[in-house]
N, C-alpha and C. Protein backbone atom coordinates (compact mmCIF):
# COMPACT_ATOMS: atom_id res chain seq x y z
N MET A 1 74.97 83.89 129.76
CA MET A 1 74.09 83.00 129.14
C MET A 1 75.02 83.55 127.48
N ALA A 2 74.75 82.44 126.36
CA ALA A 2 75.07 83.25 124.78
C ALA A 2 74.39 84.50 124.86
N ALA A 3 75.56 84.77 123.86
CA ALA A 3 74.48 86.30 123.31
C ALA A 3 74.76 87.46 124.68
N GLY A 4 75.30 86.82 125.48
CA GLY A 4 75.37 88.63 126.95
C GLY A 4 74.53 88.41 127.21
N GLN A 5 72.82 87.48 127.89
CA GLN A 5 71.87 87.99 128.22
C GLN A 5 72.14 87.12 129.47
N THR A 6 70.94 87.81 130.61
CA THR A 6 71.15 87.18 131.82
C THR A 6 70.16 86.54 132.34
N LEU A 7 70.07 85.05 133.46
CA LEU A 7 69.44 84.24 133.76
C LEU A 7 69.54 84.70 134.94
N LEU A 8 68.21 84.88 135.45
CA LEU A 8 67.96 85.53 137.09
C LEU A 8 66.78 84.27 137.66
N GLN A 9 67.29 83.51 138.63
CA GLN A 9 66.11 83.12 139.32
C GLN A 9 65.82 82.93 140.67
N TRP A 10 64.61 82.75 140.90
CA TRP A 10 64.57 83.14 142.46
C TRP A 10 64.03 81.95 142.61
N GLN A 11 64.58 80.99 143.50
CA GLN A 11 63.23 79.98 144.87
C GLN A 11 63.27 80.01 145.93
N ALA A 12 62.25 79.84 145.77
CA ALA A 12 61.62 80.11 147.58
C ALA A 12 61.23 78.78 147.93
N THR A 13 60.67 78.53 148.86
CA THR A 13 60.08 76.70 149.25
C THR A 13 58.59 76.93 148.10
N GLY A 14 58.30 76.00 147.12
CA GLY A 14 57.25 76.55 146.74
C GLY A 14 56.54 76.85 145.02
N CYS A 15 58.35 77.68 145.60
CA CYS A 15 57.83 79.02 144.30
C CYS A 15 59.61 78.74 143.67
N HIS A 16 59.49 79.36 142.06
CA HIS A 16 60.51 79.22 141.43
C HIS A 16 60.12 80.22 139.88
N ILE A 17 61.33 81.43 139.81
CA ILE A 17 60.53 81.42 138.66
C ILE A 17 62.12 82.32 138.12
N ALA A 18 62.40 82.45 136.38
CA ALA A 18 63.81 82.01 136.26
C ALA A 18 62.99 83.27 135.41
N LEU A 19 64.04 84.83 134.87
CA LEU A 19 63.64 85.58 134.17
C LEU A 19 65.25 86.07 133.20
N LEU A 20 64.40 86.01 131.91
CA LEU A 20 66.41 86.20 131.04
C LEU A 20 65.80 87.94 131.09
N PHE A 21 67.29 88.31 130.66
CA PHE A 21 67.13 90.05 130.09
C PHE A 21 68.70 89.83 128.97
N GLY A 22 68.39 91.41 127.89
CA GLY A 22 69.63 91.19 127.27
C GLY A 22 70.51 91.31 127.53
N PRO A 23 71.54 91.15 126.86
CA PRO A 23 72.79 92.62 127.24
C PRO A 23 72.62 94.16 127.23
N ASP A 24 71.71 94.38 127.21
CA ASP A 24 71.26 95.57 127.18
C ASP A 24 70.63 95.62 128.83
N GLY A 25 70.82 94.93 129.12
CA GLY A 25 69.40 94.65 130.42
C GLY A 25 68.17 94.70 130.69
N ARG A 26 67.65 94.95 129.94
CA ARG A 26 66.37 94.94 128.81
C ARG A 26 65.66 93.94 129.46
N PHE A 27 64.11 93.87 130.01
CA PHE A 27 63.72 91.89 130.62
C PHE A 27 63.25 91.67 128.76
N ILE A 28 64.14 90.40 128.61
CA ILE A 28 62.94 89.46 127.77
C ILE A 28 62.10 88.77 127.94
N ARG A 29 62.05 88.08 128.85
CA ARG A 29 61.03 87.04 128.98
C ARG A 29 61.41 86.62 130.17
N ILE A 30 60.17 85.57 131.02
CA ILE A 30 59.99 84.94 131.52
C ILE A 30 59.98 83.39 131.51
N THR A 31 61.01 82.91 131.64
CA THR A 31 61.87 82.04 131.34
C THR A 31 60.75 80.27 131.83
N HIS A 32 60.50 80.47 133.26
CA HIS A 32 59.95 79.42 133.78
C HIS A 32 59.63 80.11 134.96
N GLU A 33 58.77 79.39 135.46
CA GLU A 33 57.63 79.37 136.80
C GLU A 33 56.94 78.46 137.34
N PHE A 34 57.38 78.33 138.67
CA PHE A 34 56.30 77.03 138.87
C PHE A 34 55.82 78.14 140.94
N ALA A 35 54.91 77.12 140.78
CA ALA A 35 54.45 78.06 142.45
C ALA A 35 53.52 76.61 142.57
N ASN A 36 53.77 76.02 143.96
CA ASN A 36 53.36 74.71 144.49
C ASN A 36 52.18 75.68 145.70
N TYR A 37 50.28 75.09 144.51
CA TYR A 37 49.66 76.07 145.78
C TYR A 37 49.54 75.79 146.48
N ALA A 38 49.51 74.51 147.68
CA ALA A 38 49.41 74.76 148.88
C ALA A 38 49.58 75.81 150.67
N PRO A 39 49.46 75.06 150.64
CA PRO A 39 49.48 76.24 152.24
C PRO A 39 50.76 76.51 152.28
N ALA A 40 50.95 78.10 152.65
CA ALA A 40 52.94 78.60 152.56
C ALA A 40 53.08 78.53 153.34
N PRO A 41 54.44 78.16 154.06
CA PRO A 41 54.80 78.31 155.04
C PRO A 41 55.16 79.16 156.24
N ALA A 42 55.22 79.71 156.90
CA ALA A 42 54.74 80.86 158.04
C ALA A 42 55.95 81.77 157.24
N GLY A 43 55.97 82.71 157.03
CA GLY A 43 57.40 84.17 156.35
C GLY A 43 56.82 83.57 154.62
N CYS A 44 56.63 82.46 154.06
CA CYS A 44 56.77 82.46 152.78
C CYS A 44 56.19 83.75 151.31
N ILE A 45 54.90 84.30 152.19
CA ILE A 45 54.01 85.95 151.77
C ILE A 45 55.17 86.76 152.37
N LEU A 46 55.56 87.19 152.88
CA LEU A 46 56.64 88.14 152.97
C LEU A 46 57.26 87.58 152.49
N THR A 47 57.90 86.56 151.80
CA THR A 47 59.70 86.97 151.61
C THR A 47 59.09 86.56 149.78
N VAL A 48 57.98 86.36 149.36
CA VAL A 48 56.91 86.65 147.91
C VAL A 48 56.94 87.96 147.43
N THR A 49 56.17 88.72 148.77
CA THR A 49 55.96 89.94 148.11
C THR A 49 57.73 91.04 148.11
N MET A 50 58.21 90.97 149.32
CA MET A 50 59.60 91.25 149.45
C MET A 50 60.49 91.30 148.10
N MET A 51 59.96 89.81 147.14
CA MET A 51 61.01 90.20 145.91
C MET A 51 60.67 90.96 144.59
N LEU A 52 59.18 90.37 145.04
CA LEU A 52 58.14 91.39 144.17
C LEU A 52 59.01 92.65 144.14
N ILE A 53 59.16 93.22 144.31
CA ILE A 53 58.96 94.48 144.82
C ILE A 53 60.45 94.48 144.45
N PHE A 54 61.15 93.99 145.26
CA PHE A 54 62.98 94.00 144.60
C PHE A 54 62.53 93.59 142.97
N LEU A 55 62.27 93.00 141.84
CA LEU A 55 62.10 93.06 140.72
C LEU A 55 61.66 94.18 139.93
N ALA A 56 60.29 94.70 140.83
CA ALA A 56 59.86 95.69 140.33
C ALA A 56 60.72 97.22 140.46
N THR A 57 61.59 97.63 141.66
CA THR A 57 62.92 98.27 141.59
C THR A 57 63.92 97.62 140.78
N ILE A 58 64.27 96.89 140.57
CA ILE A 58 65.09 96.45 139.23
C ILE A 58 64.38 96.94 137.87
N ALA A 59 63.49 96.94 137.37
CA ALA A 59 63.04 96.77 136.50
C ALA A 59 62.86 98.25 136.31
N THR A 60 61.99 98.87 136.77
CA THR A 60 61.83 99.99 136.69
C THR A 60 63.21 101.07 136.67
N ALA A 61 64.16 100.58 137.63
CA ALA A 61 65.64 101.10 137.76
C ALA A 61 66.45 100.71 136.21
N ILE A 62 65.89 100.16 135.39
CA ILE A 62 66.43 100.01 133.91
C ILE A 62 65.27 100.47 133.18
N ALA A 63 64.30 100.07 133.17
CA ALA A 63 63.57 101.13 132.60
C ALA A 63 63.71 102.37 132.39
N LEU A 64 64.53 103.39 133.27
CA LEU A 64 64.94 104.68 133.07
C LEU A 64 66.07 104.94 133.08
N HIS A 65 66.87 103.87 132.83
CA HIS A 65 68.51 103.80 131.93
C HIS A 65 68.02 104.24 130.25
């Protein structure tokens, strides 16, 4: 992205989120989020939970640097 920024996106059935990080790796903002609140297909809740844990781990690692 422009100015050395990084856009990370994650998509799954009924879910989409885009996170913007600066050139220093620090989180700037959520640029897009969408969730379809229909009943989740089998396995979707586990996938979302694992992705949130993954994002929290990345955020923690970035914060410690």
